[in-house]
Amino acid sequence: MTERVHRVQRVQATPRRIVALPEQAPADALALKQQAVQRFTARPQTLQRQAVLPVLRAAALDRQEQTRLRQQQTQVQRQITALGEVTPAPHLPEPSAVRAAPTTPGDRVTVMRLRAEEVAGRPLDARSSSQFTALQRQVAQTLAQGFRSDRGEPAARYAAYGEHLTTL
């Protein structure tokens, strides 16, 4: 490995004059001390701005978010006041017991609804999926067959089977 040595040429510095700015002579010792403290604690404005910019930005964003939340809260309160007294929706009666072998269309709908609640929100394997599909077909065929064979009044028949379908 070889080292290279650079030759450095020195240039003679030109003499510079140091010019002292005339300072105003403070009247008393307190003013001297204040001037010394100010000289050591003074910070350029650009540096100050750069130092506090993230803090000021965060404070502005916080105020903006608080204002937005207050506006939304006021808007929701107005909507609630406009609604007035709200009565809770009636709950569907819980089935007392599911028969082992459903006989009526209503029983089949109940079995189907309970099975759908069990399966809701979870992935099914192939076997469970085919069982659920078979149950859906069976309930649909039973409802269709019961609707065709029902010889009651048409308005009552449509109402009863329509209720079964909405339950599903």
C-alpha atoms as a PDB file:
ATOM      1  CA  MET A   1       0.000   0.000   0.000  1.00  0.00           C
ATOM      2  CA  THR A   2       1.374   3.371  -0.833  1.00  0.00           C
ATOM      3  CA  GLU A   3       0.692   6.567   0.926  1.00  0.00           C
ATOM      4  CA  ARG A   4       0.331   9.795  -0.800  1.00  0.00           C
ATOM      5  CA  VAL A   5       1.522  12.910   0.811  1.00  0.00           C
ATOM      6  CA  HIS A   6       0.026  16.110  -0.404  1.00  0.00           C
ATOM      7  CA  ARG A   7       1.956  19.216  -0.382  1.00  0.00           C
ATOM      8  CA  VAL A   8       0.210  21.967   1.371  1.00  0.00           C
ATOM      9  CA  GLN A   9       0.975  25.434   0.274  1.00  0.00           C
ATOM     10  CA  ARG A  10       0.396  28.002   2.864  1.00  0.00           C
ATOM     11  CA  VAL A  11      -0.758  31.390   1.796  1.00  0.00           C
ATOM     12  CA  GLN A  12       0.081  34.297   3.948  1.00  0.00           C
ATOM     13  CA  ALA A  13      -2.997  35.663   5.613  1.00  0.00           C
ATOM     14  CA  THR A  14      -3.773  39.220   4.859  1.00  0.00           C
ATOM     15  CA  PRO A  15      -3.938  41.329   7.920  1.00  0.00           C
ATOM     16  CA  ARG A  16      -7.490  42.129   8.932  1.00  0.00           C
ATOM     17  CA  ARG A  17      -8.530  44.934  11.042  1.00  0.00           C
ATOM     18  CA  ILE A  18     -10.761  44.228  13.955  1.00  0.00           C
ATOM     19  CA  VAL A  19     -13.259  46.939  14.224  1.00  0.00           C
ATOM     20  CA  ALA A  20     -14.886  47.319  17.562  1.00  0.00           C
ATOM     21  CA  LEU A  21     -18.384  48.618  17.400  1.00  0.00           C
ATOM     22  CA  PRO A  22     -19.031  51.307  19.850  1.00  0.00           C
ATOM     23  CA  GLU A  23     -21.385  49.988  22.485  1.00  0.00           C
ATOM     24  CA  GLN A  24     -23.573  52.226  24.426  1.00  0.00           C
ATOM     25  CA  ALA A  25     -22.301  52.459  27.889  1.00  0.00           C
ATOM     26  CA  PRO A  26     -25.021  51.331  30.271  1.00  0.00           C
ATOM     27  CA  ALA A  27     -25.772  53.673  33.073  1.00  0.00           C
ATOM     28  CA  ASP A  28     -25.618  51.242  35.957  1.00  0.00           C
ATOM     29  CA  ALA A  29     -24.532  47.746  36.963  1.00  0.00           C
ATOM     30  CA  LEU A  30     -28.035  46.261  36.622  1.00  0.00           C
ATOM     31  CA  ALA A  31     -28.167  47.226  32.990  1.00  0.00           C
ATOM     32  CA  LEU A  32     -24.730  45.615  32.462  1.00  0.00           C
ATOM     33  CA  LYS A  33     -25.956  42.365  33.975  1.00  0.00           C
ATOM     34  CA  GLN A  34     -29.157  42.403  31.929  1.00  0.00           C
ATOM     35  CA  GLN A  35     -27.199  42.984  28.760  1.00  0.00           C
ATOM     36  CA  ALA A  36     -24.857  40.063  29.548  1.00  0.00           C
ATOM     37  CA  VAL A  37     -27.719  37.718  30.309  1.00  0.00           C
ATOM     38  CA  GLN A  38     -29.541  38.752  27.167  1.00  0.00           C
ATOM     39  CA  ARG A  39     -26.470  38.185  25.053  1.00  0.00           C
ATOM     40  CA  PHE A  40     -26.078  34.598  26.343  1.00  0.00           C
ATOM     41  CA  THR A  41     -29.772  33.699  26.248  1.00  0.00           C
ATOM     42  CA  ALA A  42     -30.710  35.355  22.999  1.00  0.00           C
ATOM     43  CA  ARG A  43     -31.634  32.876  20.340  1.00  0.00           C
ATOM     44  CA  PRO A  44     -32.245  33.715  16.708  1.00  0.00           C
ATOM     45  CA  GLN A  45     -35.925  33.777  15.773  1.00  0.00           C
ATOM     46  CA  THR A  46     -35.607  31.172  13.043  1.00  0.00           C
ATOM     47  CA  LEU A  47     -34.163  28.668  15.499  1.00  0.00           C
ATOM     48  CA  GLN A  48     -36.914  29.449  17.975  1.00  0.00           C
ATOM     49  CA  ARG A  49     -39.528  28.947  15.272  1.00  0.00           C
ATOM     50  CA  GLN A  50     -37.968  25.640  14.237  1.00  0.00           C
ATOM     51  CA  ALA A  51     -37.820  24.441  17.833  1.00  0.00           C
ATOM     52  CA  VAL A  52     -41.452  25.181  18.668  1.00  0.00           C
ATOM     53  CA  LEU A  53     -43.009  24.383  15.280  1.00  0.00           C
ATOM     54  CA  PRO A  54     -43.884  20.728  16.104  1.00  0.00           C
ATOM     55  CA  VAL A  55     -45.376  21.725  19.445  1.00  0.00           C
ATOM     56  CA  LEU A  56     -47.457  24.507  17.938  1.00  0.00           C
ATOM     57  CA  ARG A  57     -48.620  22.226  15.118  1.00  0.00           C
ATOM     58  CA  ALA A  58     -49.699  19.567  17.613  1.00  0.00           C
ATOM     59  CA  ALA A  59     -51.571  22.149  19.665  1.00  0.00           C
ATOM     60  CA  ALA A  60     -53.332  23.467  16.557  1.00  0.00           C
ATOM     61  CA  LEU A  61     -54.331  19.941  15.510  1.00  0.00           C
ATOM     62  CA  ASP A  62     -55.591  19.218  19.006  1.00  0.00           C
ATOM     63  CA  ARG A  63     -57.726  22.379  19.016  1.00  0.00           C
ATOM     64  CA  GLN A  64     -59.032  21.513  15.562  1.00  0.00           C
ATOM     65  CA  GLU A  65     -60.006  17.997  16.661  1.00  0.00           C
ATOM     66  CA  GLN A  66     -61.680  19.285  19.835  1.00  0.00           C
ATOM     67  CA  THR A  67     -63.705  21.752  17.761  1.00  0.00           C
ATOM     68  CA  ARG A  68     -64.740  19.041  15.312  1.00  0.00           C
ATOM     69  CA  LEU A  69     -65.794  16.726  18.135  1.00  0.00           C
ATOM     70  CA  ARG A  70     -67.796  19.493  19.815  1.00  0.00           C
ATOM     71  CA  GLN A  71     -69.605  20.209  16.547  1.00  0.00           C
ATOM     72  CA  GLN A  72     -70.429  16.549  16.004  1.00  0.00           C
ATOM     73  CA  GLN A  73     -71.587  16.162  19.584  1.00  0.00           C
ATOM     74  CA  THR A  74     -73.841  19.203  19.246  1.00  0.00           C
ATOM     75  CA  GLN A  75     -75.252  17.836  16.001  1.00  0.00           C
ATOM     76  CA  VAL A  76     -75.983  14.445  17.580  1.00  0.00           C
ATOM     77  CA  GLN A  77     -77.589  16.102  20.602  1.00  0.00           C
ATOM     78  CA  ARG A  78     -79.868  18.072  18.248  1.00  0.00           C
ATOM     79  CA  GLN A  79     -80.843  14.874  16.444  1.00  0.00           C
ATOM     80  CA  ILE A  80     -81.594  13.127  19.725  1.00  0.00           C
ATOM     81  CA  THR A  81     -83.666  16.063  20.912  1.00  0.00           C
ATOM     82  CA  ALA A  82     -85.553  16.096  17.607  1.00  0.00           C
ATOM     83  CA  LEU A  83     -86.363  12.390  17.964  1.00  0.00           C
ATOM     84  CA  GLY A  84     -87.899  12.897  21.370  1.00  0.00           C
ATOM     85  CA  GLU A  85     -88.923   9.880  23.391  1.00  0.00           C
ATOM     86  CA  VAL A  86     -87.943   6.679  21.613  1.00  0.00           C
ATOM     87  CA  THR A  87     -89.528   3.386  22.531  1.00  0.00           C
ATOM     88  CA  PRO A  88     -87.348   0.293  22.256  1.00  0.00           C
ATOM     89  CA  ALA A  89     -88.085  -2.131  19.432  1.00  0.00           C
ATOM     90  CA  PRO A  90     -90.024  -5.199  20.475  1.00  0.00           C
ATOM     91  CA  HIS A  91     -87.915  -8.306  20.785  1.00  0.00           C
ATOM     92  CA  LEU A  92     -88.851 -11.533  19.090  1.00  0.00           C
ATOM     93  CA  PRO A  93     -90.060 -14.096  21.570  1.00  0.00           C
ATOM     94  CA  GLU A  94     -87.497 -16.764  22.344  1.00  0.00           C
ATOM     95  CA  PRO A  95     -88.570 -20.210  21.252  1.00  0.00           C
ATOM     96  CA  SER A  96     -89.419 -22.301  24.285  1.00  0.00           C
ATOM     97  CA  ALA A  97     -88.058 -25.519  22.916  1.00  0.00           C
ATOM     98  CA  VAL A  98     -87.184 -26.873  19.533  1.00  0.00           C
ATOM     99  CA  ARG A  99     -88.723 -30.186  18.756  1.00  0.00           C
ATOM    100  CA  ALA A 100     -86.490 -33.037  17.697  1.00  0.00           C
ATOM    101  CA  ALA A 101     -88.534 -33.522  14.527  1.00  0.00           C
ATOM    102  CA  PRO A 102     -90.184 -30.269  13.394  1.00  0.00           C
ATOM    103  CA  THR A 103     -93.648 -30.838  11.962  1.00  0.00           C
ATOM    104  CA  THR A 104     -95.110 -27.442  11.145  1.00  0.00           C
ATOM    105  CA  PRO A 105     -93.606 -24.821   8.829  1.00  0.00           C
ATOM    106  CA  GLY A 106     -93.163 -22.541  11.854  1.00  0.00           C
ATOM    107  CA  ASP A 107     -91.088 -25.201  13.615  1.00  0.00           C
ATOM    108  CA  ARG A 108     -88.903 -25.665  10.556  1.00  0.00           C
ATOM    109  CA  VAL A 109     -88.350 -21.895  10.327  1.00  0.00           C
ATOM    110  CA  THR A 110     -87.367 -21.840  14.006  1.00  0.00           C
ATOM    111  CA  VAL A 111     -84.854 -24.657  13.473  1.00  0.00           C
ATOM    112  CA  MET A 112     -83.431 -22.856  10.445  1.00  0.00           C
ATOM    113  CA  ARG A 113     -83.116 -19.538  12.308  1.00  0.00           C
ATOM    114  CA  LEU A 114     -81.372 -21.159  15.283  1.00  0.00           C
ATOM    115  CA  ARG A 115     -78.955 -23.005  13.006  1.00  0.00           C
ATOM    116  CA  ALA A 116     -78.201 -19.754  11.121  1.00  0.00           C
ATOM    117  CA  GLU A 117     -77.463 -17.994  14.429  1.00  0.00           C
ATOM    118  CA  GLU A 118     -75.063 -20.786  15.379  1.00  0.00           C
ATOM    119  CA  VAL A 119     -73.208 -20.543  12.074  1.00  0.00           C
ATOM    120  CA  ALA A 120     -73.183 -16.744  11.750  1.00  0.00           C
ATOM    121  CA  GLY A 121     -69.728 -15.181  11.589  1.00  0.00           C
ATOM    122  CA  ARG A 122     -67.610 -18.296  11.503  1.00  0.00           C
ATOM    123  CA  PRO A 123     -66.184 -20.198   8.556  1.00  0.00           C
ATOM    124  CA  LEU A 124     -67.785 -23.523   7.706  1.00  0.00           C
ATOM    125  CA  ASP A 125     -65.971 -26.636   6.648  1.00  0.00           C
ATOM    126  CA  ALA A 126     -67.291 -28.656   3.695  1.00  0.00           C
ATOM    127  CA  ARG A 127     -69.421 -30.969   5.812  1.00  0.00           C
ATOM    128  CA  SER A 128     -71.080 -28.194   7.845  1.00  0.00           C
ATOM    129  CA  SER A 129     -71.668 -26.159   4.716  1.00  0.00           C
ATOM    130  CA  SER A 130     -73.394 -29.051   2.938  1.00  0.00           C
ATOM    131  CA  GLN A 131     -75.532 -29.760   6.040  1.00  0.00           C
ATOM    132  CA  PHE A 132     -76.573 -26.107   6.252  1.00  0.00           C
ATOM    133  CA  THR A 133     -77.399 -26.001   2.535  1.00  0.00           C
ATOM    134  CA  ALA A 134     -79.450 -29.190   2.848  1.00  0.00           C
ATOM    135  CA  LEU A 135     -81.366 -27.683   5.773  1.00  0.00           C
ATOM    136  CA  GLN A 136     -82.058 -24.542   3.731  1.00  0.00           C
ATOM    137  CA  ARG A 137     -83.409 -26.613   0.827  1.00  0.00           C
ATOM    138  CA  GLN A 138     -85.525 -28.725   3.135  1.00  0.00           C
ATOM    139  CA  VAL A 139     -87.061 -25.680   4.833  1.00  0.00           C
ATOM    140  CA  ALA A 140     -87.700 -23.981   1.475  1.00  0.00           C
ATOM    141  CA  GLN A 141     -89.370 -27.087   0.047  1.00  0.00           C
ATOM    142  CA  THR A 142     -91.484 -27.539   3.184  1.00  0.00           C
ATOM    143  CA  LEU A 143     -92.609 -23.900   3.121  1.00  0.00           C
ATOM    144  CA  ALA A 144     -93.468 -24.065  -0.581  1.00  0.00           C
ATOM    145  CA  GLN A 145     -95.331 -27.349  -0.145  1.00  0.00           C
ATOM    146  CA  GLY A 146     -97.196 -26.061   2.914  1.00  0.00           C
ATOM    147  CA  PHE A 147     -98.149 -22.856   1.108  1.00  0.00           C
ATOM    148  CA  ARG A 148     -99.560 -24.805  -1.852  1.00  0.00           C
ATOM    149  CA  SER A 149    -101.459 -27.270   0.297  1.00  0.00           C
ATOM    150  CA  ASP A 150    -102.874 -24.678   2.720  1.00  0.00           C
ATOM    151  CA  ARG A 151    -106.567 -24.191   1.876  1.00  0.00           C
ATOM    152  CA  GLY A 152    -107.193 -21.425   4.365  1.00  0.00           C
ATOM    153  CA  GLU A 153    -108.117 -17.877   3.521  1.00  0.00           C
ATOM    154  CA  PRO A 154    -105.587 -16.409   1.055  1.00  0.00           C
ATOM    155  CA  ALA A 155    -104.917 -13.226   3.108  1.00  0.00           C
ATOM    156  CA  ALA A 156    -104.145 -15.266   6.252  1.00  0.00           C
ATOM    157  CA  ARG A 157    -102.041 -17.723   4.257  1.00  0.00           C
ATOM    158  CA  TYR A 158     -99.984 -14.920   2.662  1.00  0.00           C
ATOM    159  CA  ALA A 159     -99.537 -13.235   6.046  1.00  0.00           C
ATOM    160  CA  ALA A 160     -98.436 -16.440   7.818  1.00  0.00           C
ATOM    161  CA  TYR A 161     -95.971 -17.566   5.171  1.00  0.00           C
ATOM    162  CA  GLY A 162     -94.727 -14.016   4.626  1.00  0.00           C
ATOM    163  CA  GLU A 163     -93.933 -13.851   8.342  1.00  0.00           C
ATOM    164  CA  HIS A 164     -92.034 -17.139   8.088  1.00  0.00           C
ATOM    165  CA  LEU A 165     -89.999 -15.795   5.179  1.00  0.00           C
ATOM    166  CA  THR A 166     -89.170 -12.535   6.969  1.00  0.00           C
ATOM    167  CA  THR A 167     -88.061 -14.512  10.002  1.00  0.00           C
ATOM    168  CA  LEU A 168     -85.560 -16.330   7.820  1.00  0.00           C
END
